[in-house]
PDB file of N, CA and C in Angstrom:
ATOM      1  N   UNK A   1     -29.873 -56.072  13.984  1.00  0.00           N
ATOM      2  CA  UNK A   1     -29.472 -54.863  14.667  1.00  0.00           C
ATOM      3  C   UNK A   1     -30.707 -53.977  14.842  1.00  0.00           C
ATOM      4  N   UNK A   2     -30.868 -53.403  16.004  1.00  0.00           N
ATOM      5  CA  UNK A   2     -32.022 -52.557  16.283  1.00  0.00           C
ATOM      6  C   UNK A   2     -31.938 -51.253  15.503  1.00  0.00           C
ATOM      7  N   UNK A   3     -33.105 -50.667  15.252  1.00  0.00           N
ATOM      8  CA  UNK A   3     -33.163 -49.412  14.498  1.00  0.00           C
ATOM      9  C   UNK A   3     -32.359 -48.304  15.157  1.00  0.00           C
ATOM     10  N   UNK A   4     -32.451 -48.197  16.483  1.00  0.00           N
ATOM     11  CA  UNK A   4     -31.738 -47.126  17.197  1.00  0.00           C
ATOM     12  C   UNK A   4     -30.237 -47.238  16.975  1.00  0.00           C
ATOM     13  N   UNK A   5     -29.725 -48.462  17.025  1.00  0.00           N
ATOM     14  CA  UNK A   5     -28.289 -48.672  16.815  1.00  0.00           C
ATOM     15  C   UNK A   5     -27.909 -48.335  15.384  1.00  0.00           C
ATOM     16  N   UNK A   6     -28.725 -48.740  14.443  1.00  0.00           N
ATOM     17  CA  UNK A   6     -28.465 -48.442  13.037  1.00  0.00           C
ATOM     18  C   UNK A   6     -28.471 -46.930  12.806  1.00  0.00           C
ATOM     19  N   UNK A   7     -29.415 -46.239  13.412  1.00  0.00           N
ATOM     20  CA  UNK A   7     -29.486 -44.779  13.269  1.00  0.00           C
ATOM     21  C   UNK A   7     -28.242 -44.119  13.856  1.00  0.00           C
ATOM     22  N   UNK A   8     -27.778 -44.611  15.007  1.00  0.00           N
ATOM     23  CA  UNK A   8     -26.565 -44.060  15.624  1.00  0.00           C
ATOM     24  C   UNK A   8     -25.365 -44.259  14.715  1.00  0.00           C
ATOM     25  N   UNK A   9     -25.279 -45.421  14.107  1.00  0.00           N
ATOM     26  CA  UNK A   9     -24.149 -45.702  13.214  1.00  0.00           C
ATOM     27  C   UNK A   9     -24.188 -44.817  11.970  1.00  0.00           C
ATOM     28  N   UNK A  10     -25.382 -44.573  11.432  1.00  0.00           N
ATOM     29  CA  UNK A  10     -25.499 -43.707  10.263  1.00  0.00           C
ATOM     30  C   UNK A  10     -25.094 -42.277  10.612  1.00  0.00           C
ATOM     31  N   UNK A  11     -25.518 -41.798  11.796  1.00  0.00           N
ATOM     32  CA  UNK A  11     -25.118 -40.454  12.231  1.00  0.00           C
ATOM     33  C   UNK A  11     -23.614 -40.389  12.411  1.00  0.00           C
ATOM     34  N   UNK A  12     -23.040 -41.418  13.001  1.00  0.00           N
ATOM     35  CA  UNK A  12     -21.590 -41.451  13.219  1.00  0.00           C
ATOM     36  C   UNK A  12     -20.857 -41.370  11.885  1.00  0.00           C
ATOM     37  N   UNK A  13     -21.329 -42.093  10.889  1.00  0.00           N
ATOM     38  CA  UNK A  13     -20.686 -42.064   9.572  1.00  0.00           C
ATOM     39  C   UNK A  13     -20.750 -40.660   8.980  1.00  0.00           C
ATOM     40  N   UNK A  14     -21.884 -39.982   9.161  1.00  0.00           N
ATOM     41  CA  UNK A  14     -22.040 -38.615   8.662  1.00  0.00           C
ATOM     42  C   UNK A  14     -21.057 -37.680   9.368  1.00  0.00           C
ATOM     43  N   UNK A  15     -20.944 -37.803  10.679  1.00  0.00           N
ATOM     44  CA  UNK A  15     -20.057 -36.931  11.450  1.00  0.00           C
ATOM     45  C   UNK A  15     -18.599 -37.190  11.094  1.00  0.00           C
ATOM     46  N   UNK A  16     -18.261 -38.443  10.797  1.00  0.00           N
ATOM     47  CA  UNK A  16     -16.886 -38.813  10.470  1.00  0.00           C
ATOM     48  C   UNK A  16     -16.381 -38.049   9.244  1.00  0.00           C
ATOM     49  N   UNK A  17     -17.269 -37.761   8.317  1.00  0.00           N
ATOM     50  CA  UNK A  17     -16.881 -37.071   7.088  1.00  0.00           C
ATOM     51  C   UNK A  17     -16.302 -35.688   7.347  1.00  0.00           C
ATOM     52  N   UNK A  18     -16.703 -35.054   8.454  1.00  0.00           N
ATOM     53  CA  UNK A  18     -16.257 -33.689   8.734  1.00  0.00           C
ATOM     54  C   UNK A  18     -14.936 -33.630   9.504  1.00  0.00           C
ATOM     55  N   UNK A  19     -14.410 -34.783   9.900  1.00  0.00           N
ATOM     56  CA  UNK A  19     -13.182 -34.800  10.699  1.00  0.00           C
ATOM     57  C   UNK A  19     -11.933 -34.763   9.814  1.00  0.00           C
ATOM     58  N   UNK A  20     -10.893 -34.137  10.343  1.00  0.00           N
ATOM     59  CA  UNK A  20      -9.594 -34.122   9.666  1.00  0.00           C
ATOM     60  C   UNK A  20      -8.898 -35.461   9.903  1.00  0.00           C
ATOM     61  N   UNK A  21      -7.850 -35.764   9.145  1.00  0.00           N
ATOM     62  CA  UNK A  21      -7.107 -37.006   9.387  1.00  0.00           C
ATOM     63  C   UNK A  21      -6.570 -37.098  10.825  1.00  0.00           C
ATOM     64  N   UNK A  22      -6.085 -35.988  11.360  1.00  0.00           N
ATOM     65  CA  UNK A  22      -5.580 -35.997  12.744  1.00  0.00           C
ATOM     66  C   UNK A  22      -6.697 -36.296  13.728  1.00  0.00           C
ATOM     67  N   UNK A  23      -7.879 -35.737  13.490  1.00  0.00           N
ATOM     68  CA  UNK A  23      -9.023 -35.991  14.367  1.00  0.00           C
ATOM     69  C   UNK A  23      -9.473 -37.446  14.260  1.00  0.00           C
ATOM     70  N   UNK A  24      -9.372 -38.034  13.071  1.00  0.00           N
ATOM     71  CA  UNK A  24      -9.687 -39.460  12.906  1.00  0.00           C
ATOM     72  C   UNK A  24      -8.756 -40.316  13.762  1.00  0.00           C
ATOM     73  N   UNK A  25      -7.477 -39.968  13.761  1.00  0.00           N
ATOM     74  CA  UNK A  25      -6.512 -40.739  14.558  1.00  0.00           C
ATOM     75  C   UNK A  25      -6.822 -40.615  16.045  1.00  0.00           C
ATOM     76  N   UNK A  26      -7.157 -39.409  16.490  1.00  0.00           N
ATOM     77  CA  UNK A  26      -7.507 -39.212  17.902  1.00  0.00           C
ATOM     78  C   UNK A  26      -8.783 -39.981  18.234  1.00  0.00           C
ATOM     79  N   UNK A  27      -9.773 -39.913  17.363  1.00  0.00           N
ATOM     80  CA  UNK A  27     -11.033 -40.623  17.587  1.00  0.00           C
ATOM     81  C   UNK A  27     -10.807 -42.119  17.753  1.00  0.00           C
ATOM     82  N   UNK A  28      -9.928 -42.687  16.943  1.00  0.00           N
ATOM     83  CA  UNK A  28      -9.641 -44.126  17.049  1.00  0.00           C
ATOM     84  C   UNK A  28      -9.152 -44.479  18.447  1.00  0.00           C
ATOM     85  N   UNK A  29      -8.363 -43.606  19.040  1.00  0.00           N
ATOM     86  CA  UNK A  29      -7.863 -43.852  20.395  1.00  0.00           C
ATOM     87  C   UNK A  29      -8.935 -43.555  21.449  1.00  0.00           C
ATOM     88  N   UNK A  30      -9.756 -42.539  21.206  1.00  0.00           N
ATOM     89  CA  UNK A  30     -10.846 -42.227  22.142  1.00  0.00           C
ATOM     90  C   UNK A  30     -11.789 -43.421  22.284  1.00  0.00           C
ATOM     91  N   UNK A  31     -12.076 -44.045  21.165  1.00  0.00           N
ATOM     92  CA  UNK A  31     -12.987 -45.194  21.168  1.00  0.00           C
ATOM     93  C   UNK A  31     -12.406 -46.344  21.989  1.00  0.00           C
ATOM     94  N   UNK A  32     -11.084 -46.397  22.070  1.00  0.00           N
ATOM     95  CA  UNK A  32     -10.431 -47.432  22.881  1.00  0.00           C
ATOM     96  C   UNK A  32     -10.398 -47.054  24.359  1.00  0.00           C
ATOM     97  N   UNK A  33     -10.884 -45.852  24.693  1.00  0.00           N
ATOM     98  CA  UNK A  33     -10.954 -45.424  26.082  1.00  0.00           C
ATOM     99  C   UNK A  33      -9.671 -44.808  26.619  1.00  0.00           C
ATOM    100  N   UNK A  34      -8.778 -44.407  25.735  1.00  0.00           N
ATOM    101  CA  UNK A  34      -7.511 -43.839  26.179  1.00  0.00           C
ATOM    102  C   UNK A  34      -7.667 -42.380  26.599  1.00  0.00           C
ATOM    103  N   UNK A  35      -6.821 -41.960  27.529  1.00  0.00           N
ATOM    104  CA  UNK A  35      -6.812 -40.575  27.993  1.00  0.00           C
ATOM    105  C   UNK A  35      -6.050 -39.699  27.002  1.00  0.00           C
ATOM    106  N   UNK A  36      -6.175 -38.374  27.158  1.00  0.00           N
ATOM    107  CA  UNK A  36      -5.453 -37.442  26.288  1.00  0.00           C
ATOM    108  C   UNK A  36      -3.950 -37.661  26.397  1.00  0.00           C
ATOM    109  N   UNK A  37      -3.483 -37.940  27.584  1.00  0.00           N
ATOM    110  CA  UNK A  37      -2.054 -38.171  27.791  1.00  0.00           C
ATOM    111  C   UNK A  37      -1.597 -39.437  27.050  1.00  0.00           C
ATOM    112  N   UNK A  38      -2.392 -40.513  27.149  1.00  0.00           N
ATOM    113  CA  UNK A  38      -2.056 -41.761  26.460  1.00  0.00           C
ATOM    114  C   UNK A  38      -2.102 -41.589  24.940  1.00  0.00           C
ATOM    115  N   UNK A  39      -3.110 -40.859  24.472  1.00  0.00           N
ATOM    116  CA  UNK A  39      -3.243 -40.631  23.033  1.00  0.00           C
ATOM    117  C   UNK A  39      -2.070 -39.793  22.536  1.00  0.00           C
ATOM    118  N   UNK A  40      -1.744 -38.765  23.277  1.00  0.00           N
ATOM    119  CA  UNK A  40      -0.622 -37.916  22.907  1.00  0.00           C
ATOM    120  C   UNK A  40       0.671 -38.693  22.799  1.00  0.00           C
ATOM    121  N   UNK A  41       0.892 -39.557  23.764  1.00  0.00           N
ATOM    122  CA  UNK A  41       2.095 -40.389  23.749  1.00  0.00           C
ATOM    123  C   UNK A  41       2.104 -41.298  22.518  1.00  0.00           C
ATOM    124  N   UNK A  42       0.970 -41.894  22.206  1.00  0.00           N
ATOM    125  CA  UNK A  42       0.882 -42.820  21.068  1.00  0.00           C
ATOM    126  C   UNK A  42       1.059 -42.108  19.726  1.00  0.00           C
ATOM    127  N   UNK A  43       0.574 -40.863  19.636  1.00  0.00           N
ATOM    128  CA  UNK A  43       0.607 -40.139  18.371  1.00  0.00           C
ATOM    129  C   UNK A  43       1.761 -39.137  18.274  1.00  0.00           C
ATOM    130  N   UNK A  44       2.519 -39.008  19.339  1.00  0.00           N
ATOM    131  CA  UNK A  44       3.618 -38.052  19.322  1.00  0.00           C
ATOM    132  C   UNK A  44       3.145 -36.605  19.366  1.00  0.00           C
ATOM    133  N   UNK A  45       2.050 -36.376  20.060  1.00  0.00           N
ATOM    134  CA  UNK A  45       1.461 -35.042  20.204  1.00  0.00           C
ATOM    135  C   UNK A  45       1.331 -34.710  21.674  1.00  0.00           C
ATOM    136  N   UNK A  46       1.180 -33.430  21.971  1.00  0.00           N
ATOM    137  CA  UNK A  46       0.991 -33.032  23.359  1.00  0.00           C
ATOM    138  C   UNK A  46      -0.452 -33.330  23.778  1.00  0.00           C
ATOM    139  N   UNK A  47      -0.681 -33.555  25.070  1.00  0.00           N
ATOM    140  CA  UNK A  47      -2.055 -33.752  25.544  1.00  0.00           C
ATOM    141  C   UNK A  47      -2.942 -32.548  25.220  1.00  0.00           C
ATOM    142  N   UNK A  48      -2.348 -31.343  25.187  1.00  0.00           N
ATOM    143  CA  UNK A  48      -3.113 -30.143  24.840  1.00  0.00           C
ATOM    144  C   UNK A  48      -3.630 -30.234  23.405  1.00  0.00           C
ATOM    145  N   UNK A  49      -2.781 -30.661  22.482  1.00  0.00           N
ATOM    146  CA  UNK A  49      -3.190 -30.825  21.079  1.00  0.00           C
ATOM    147  C   UNK A  49      -4.285 -31.880  20.974  1.00  0.00           C
ATOM    148  N   UNK A  50      -4.118 -32.977  21.695  1.00  0.00           N
ATOM    149  CA  UNK A  50      -5.132 -34.037  21.696  1.00  0.00           C
ATOM    150  C   UNK A  50      -6.458 -33.491  22.234  1.00  0.00           C
ATOM    151  N   UNK A  51      -6.394 -32.696  23.293  1.00  0.00           N
ATOM    152  CA  UNK A  51      -7.611 -32.100  23.864  1.00  0.00           C
ATOM    153  C   UNK A  51      -8.298 -31.182  22.852  1.00  0.00           C
ATOM    154  N   UNK A  52      -7.507 -30.428  22.088  1.00  0.00           N
ATOM    155  CA  UNK A  52      -8.093 -29.574  21.045  1.00  0.00           C
ATOM    156  C   UNK A  52      -8.807 -30.413  19.996  1.00  0.00           C
ATOM    157  N   UNK A  53      -8.178 -31.490  19.563  1.00  0.00           N
ATOM    158  CA  UNK A  53      -8.816 -32.387  18.591  1.00  0.00           C
ATOM    159  C   UNK A  53     -10.082 -33.007  19.186  1.00  0.00           C
ATOM    160  N   UNK A  54     -10.003 -33.379  20.455  1.00  0.00           N
ATOM    161  CA  UNK A  54     -11.163 -33.978  21.119  1.00  0.00           C
ATOM    162  C   UNK A  54     -12.333 -32.996  21.153  1.00  0.00           C
ATOM    163  N   UNK A  55     -12.060 -31.735  21.447  1.00  0.00           N
ATOM    164  CA  UNK A  55     -13.128 -30.725  21.456  1.00  0.00           C
ATOM    165  C   UNK A  55     -13.767 -30.607  20.071  1.00  0.00           C
ATOM    166  N   UNK A  56     -12.940 -30.618  19.034  1.00  0.00           N
ATOM    167  CA  UNK A  56     -13.478 -30.528  17.676  1.00  0.00           C
ATOM    168  C   UNK A  56     -14.305 -31.763  17.324  1.00  0.00           C
ATOM    169  N   UNK A  57     -13.878 -32.913  17.796  1.00  0.00           N
ATOM    170  CA  UNK A  57     -14.644 -34.153  17.583  1.00  0.00           C
ATOM    171  C   UNK A  57     -15.987 -34.044  18.295  1.00  0.00           C
ATOM    172  N   UNK A  58     -15.975 -33.568  19.526  1.00  0.00           N
ATOM    173  CA  UNK A  58     -17.226 -33.384  20.271  1.00  0.00           C
ATOM    174  C   UNK A  58     -18.165 -32.435  19.523  1.00  0.00           C
ATOM    175  N   UNK A  59     -17.624 -31.348  18.986  1.00  0.00           N
ATOM    176  CA  UNK A  59     -18.453 -30.413  18.221  1.00  0.00           C
ATOM    177  C   UNK A  59     -19.051 -31.092  16.992  1.00  0.00           C
ATOM    178  N   UNK A  60     -18.241 -31.861  16.282  1.00  0.00           N
ATOM    179  CA  UNK A  60     -18.722 -32.549  15.081  1.00  0.00           C
ATOM    180  C   UNK A  60     -19.846 -33.525  15.409  1.00  0.00           C
ATOM    181  N   UNK A  61     -19.721 -34.196  16.555  1.00  0.00           N
ATOM    182  CA  UNK A  61     -20.718 -35.194  16.944  1.00  0.00           C
ATOM    183  C   UNK A  61     -21.859 -34.585  17.756  1.00  0.00           C
ATOM    184  N   UNK A  62     -21.755 -33.296  18.080  1.00  0.00           N
ATOM    185  CA  UNK A  62     -22.819 -32.624  18.818  1.00  0.00           C
ATOM    186  C   UNK A  62     -22.956 -33.100  20.246  1.00  0.00           C
ATOM    187  N   UNK A  63     -21.831 -33.395  20.881  1.00  0.00           N
ATOM    188  CA  UNK A  63     -21.863 -33.884  22.255  1.00  0.00           C
ATOM    189  C   UNK A  63     -20.641 -33.372  22.998  1.00  0.00           C
ATOM    190  N   UNK A  64     -20.618 -33.602  24.299  1.00  0.00           N
ATOM    191  CA  UNK A  64     -19.425 -33.318  25.086  1.00  0.00           C
ATOM    192  C   UNK A  64     -19.070 -34.535  25.928  1.00  0.00           C
ATOM    193  N   UNK A  65     -19.470 -35.682  25.422  1.00  0.00           N
ATOM    194  CA  UNK A  65     -19.319 -36.923  26.176  1.00  0.00           C
ATOM    195  C   UNK A  65     -18.629 -38.002  25.342  1.00  0.00           C
ATOM    196  N   UNK A  66     -17.580 -38.549  25.909  1.00  0.00           N
ATOM    197  CA  UNK A  66     -16.913 -39.684  25.257  1.00  0.00           C
ATOM    198  C   UNK A  66     -17.862 -40.874  25.177  1.00  0.00           C
ATOM    199  N   UNK A  67     -18.681 -41.035  26.202  1.00  0.00           N
ATOM    200  CA  UNK A  67     -19.607 -42.168  26.248  1.00  0.00           C
ATOM    201  C   UNK A  67     -20.602 -42.119  25.092  1.00  0.00           C
ATOM    202  N   UNK A  68     -21.079 -40.932  24.750  1.00  0.00           N
ATOM    203  CA  UNK A  68     -22.024 -40.794  23.640  1.00  0.00           C
ATOM    204  C   UNK A  68     -21.368 -41.182  22.327  1.00  0.00           C
ATOM    205  N   UNK A  69     -20.137 -40.723  22.135  1.00  0.00           N
ATOM    206  CA  UNK A  69     -19.414 -41.078  20.913  1.00  0.00           C
ATOM    207  C   UNK A  69     -19.171 -42.580  20.867  1.00  0.00           C
ATOM    208  N   UNK A  70     -18.741 -43.139  21.963  1.00  0.00           N
ATOM    209  CA  UNK A  70     -18.487 -44.575  22.028  1.00  0.00           C
ATOM    210  C   UNK A  70     -19.743 -45.369  21.698  1.00  0.00           C
ATOM    211  N   UNK A  71     -20.887 -44.921  22.197  1.00  0.00           N
ATOM    212  CA  UNK A  71     -22.152 -45.627  21.956  1.00  0.00           C
ATOM    213  C   UNK A  71     -22.500 -45.688  20.471  1.00  0.00           C
ATOM    214  N   UNK A  72     -21.993 -44.738  19.689  1.00  0.00           N
ATOM    215  CA  UNK A  72     -22.278 -44.751  18.252  1.00  0.00           C
ATOM    216  C   UNK A  72     -21.487 -45.825  17.512  1.00  0.00           C
ATOM    217  N   UNK A  73     -20.431 -46.325  18.144  1.00  0.00           N
ATOM    218  CA  UNK A  73     -19.558 -47.286  17.477  1.00  0.00           C
ATOM    219  C   UNK A  73     -19.628 -48.695  18.066  1.00  0.00           C
ATOM    220  N   UNK A  74     -20.297 -48.852  19.172  1.00  0.00           N
ATOM    221  CA  UNK A  74     -20.336 -50.141  19.855  1.00  0.00           C
ATOM    222  C   UNK A  74     -21.737 -50.720  19.791  1.00  0.00           C
ATOM    223  N   UNK A  75     -21.828 -51.983  19.471  1.00  0.00           N
ATOM    224  CA  UNK A  75     -23.115 -52.671  19.447  1.00  0.00           C
ATOM    225  C   UNK A  75     -23.400 -53.180  20.856  1.00  0.00           C
ATOM    226  N   UNK A  76     -24.551 -52.812  21.445  1.00  0.00           N
ATOM    227  CA  UNK A  76     -24.886 -53.318  22.777  1.00  0.00           C
ATOM    228  C   UNK A  76     -24.920 -54.848  22.803  1.00  0.00           C
ATOM    229  N   UNK A  77     -24.549 -55.424  23.933  1.00  0.00           N
ATOM    230  CA  UNK A  77     -24.487 -56.882  24.068  1.00  0.00           C
ATOM    231  C   UNK A  77     -25.824 -57.546  23.787  1.00  0.00           C
ATOM    232  N   UNK A  78     -26.927 -56.883  24.103  1.00  0.00           N
ATOM    233  CA  UNK A  78     -28.226 -57.518  23.886  1.00  0.00           C
ATOM    234  C   UNK A  78     -28.614 -57.564  22.404  1.00  0.00           C
ATOM    235  N   UNK A  79     -27.783 -56.998  21.538  1.00  0.00           N
ATOM    236  CA  UNK A  79     -28.059 -57.040  20.106  1.00  0.00           C
ATOM    237  C   UNK A  79     -27.155 -58.002  19.362  1.00  0.00           C
ATOM    238  N   UNK A  80     -26.275 -58.697  20.071  1.00  0.00           N
ATOM    239  CA  UNK A  80     -25.352 -59.636  19.420  1.00  0.00           C
ATOM    240  C   UNK A  80     -26.023 -60.993  19.283  1.00  0.00           C
TER     241      UNK A  80
END
């Protein structure tokens, strides 16, 4: 595994510690690429509540991009 990927994973682990259990559940669905509406349906929450959790996740990870968060959890194909 490349150093950059390892560093991203270590940062992700650090950020994960600051999330609430509800935010962890939302994050699991975000990583799967689901929309707020889909996540809300799966978790029995409103899309507004999911959006609030998503904003808090973005703050914890220091980003406003789902793609950036996803990149911390996915190993690029050229590293497999």
